[in-house]
Amino acid sequence: MGLYWRKVYKYDCNIIATMGMSEKKPVAEKPMEITMLGYEVVEKVAKPCATSARILVPKDWVGKRVRVVRLDP
């Protein structure tokens, strides 16, 4: 049997979905408004990296909590 992992994604306070490797994560049909407090913002384009994507952030962000929000559908 191959490697299988599960990850829990929280989409809404009331909905939690569990997904396996072969399933695609559902995407919102329309943009949602998100309000956050923070100290710095960078806007970049995600680049391919093996089987996922990546963004590079400043080195002084190492060890800090960050959030990533997809802006395009």
Protein backbone atom coordinates (compact mmCIF):
# COMPACT_ATOMS: atom_id res chain seq x y z
CA MET A 1 0.00 0.00 0.00
CA GLY A 2 1.36 3.43 -0.95
CA LEU A 3 1.90 6.43 1.25
CA TYR A 4 -1.34 8.03 2.37
CA TRP A 5 -1.75 11.12 4.51
CA ARG A 6 -4.70 13.05 5.82
CA LYS A 7 -4.91 16.73 6.52
CA VAL A 8 -7.80 18.67 8.00
CA TYR A 9 -8.72 21.93 6.28
CA LYS A 10 -11.01 24.36 8.04
CA TYR A 11 -13.17 26.33 5.59
CA ASP A 12 -15.85 27.68 7.87
CA CYS A 13 -16.46 27.65 11.61
CA ASN A 14 -19.01 24.87 11.06
CA ILE A 15 -17.43 22.85 8.23
CA ILE A 16 -14.30 20.71 8.43
CA ALA A 17 -13.23 18.53 5.49
CA THR A 18 -10.72 15.70 5.55
CA MET A 19 -8.79 15.04 2.37
CA GLY A 20 -6.42 12.42 0.97
CA MET A 21 -3.65 12.88 -1.58
CA SER A 22 -5.81 12.07 -4.61
CA GLU A 23 -8.57 14.54 -3.71
CA LYS A 24 -8.56 18.19 -4.73
CA LYS A 25 -9.21 20.91 -2.16
CA PRO A 26 -12.51 22.71 -2.89
CA VAL A 27 -12.23 26.38 -3.86
CA ALA A 28 -14.71 29.14 -3.07
CA GLU A 29 -16.90 30.03 -6.05
CA LYS A 30 -16.60 33.76 -5.44
CA PRO A 31 -14.07 35.95 -3.61
CA MET A 32 -14.53 36.43 0.12
CA GLU A 33 -13.60 39.43 2.22
CA ILE A 34 -10.76 38.73 4.66
CA THR A 35 -9.67 41.16 7.36
CA MET A 36 -6.30 40.66 9.09
CA LEU A 37 -3.95 42.61 11.31
CA GLY A 38 -0.25 42.35 10.50
CA TYR A 39 3.09 44.09 10.28
CA GLU A 40 4.13 43.75 6.64
CA VAL A 41 2.65 42.68 3.30
CA VAL A 42 4.33 41.29 0.20
CA GLU A 43 2.49 40.33 -2.98
CA LYS A 44 4.15 37.71 -5.15
CA VAL A 45 3.33 35.08 -7.77
CA ALA A 46 3.61 31.46 -6.61
CA LYS A 47 6.27 29.52 -8.53
CA PRO A 48 6.23 25.77 -9.25
CA CYS A 49 8.33 23.62 -6.93
CA ALA A 50 8.27 19.81 -7.45
CA THR A 51 4.63 18.80 -6.79
CA SER A 52 3.54 22.04 -5.11
CA ALA A 53 4.09 25.80 -5.33
CA ARG A 54 6.18 28.21 -3.30
CA ILE A 55 6.62 31.87 -2.50
CA LEU A 56 9.77 33.33 -1.04
CA VAL A 57 9.51 35.77 1.84
CA PRO A 58 12.19 37.94 3.47
CA LYS A 59 14.77 36.04 5.55
CA ASP A 60 13.89 38.00 8.68
CA TRP A 61 10.45 36.33 8.56
CA VAL A 62 12.02 32.97 9.51
CA GLY A 63 10.32 31.66 12.67
CA LYS A 64 7.45 34.16 12.34
CA ARG A 65 3.82 33.27 11.73
CA VAL A 66 2.64 34.17 8.20
CA ARG A 67 -0.59 33.78 6.25
CA VAL A 68 -0.97 33.28 2.52
CA VAL A 69 -4.15 34.38 0.71
CA ARG A 70 -4.77 33.44 -2.92
CA LEU A 71 -5.90 36.52 -4.83
CA ASP A 72 -6.73 35.04 -8.27
CA PRO A 73 -9.41 32.40 -8.96
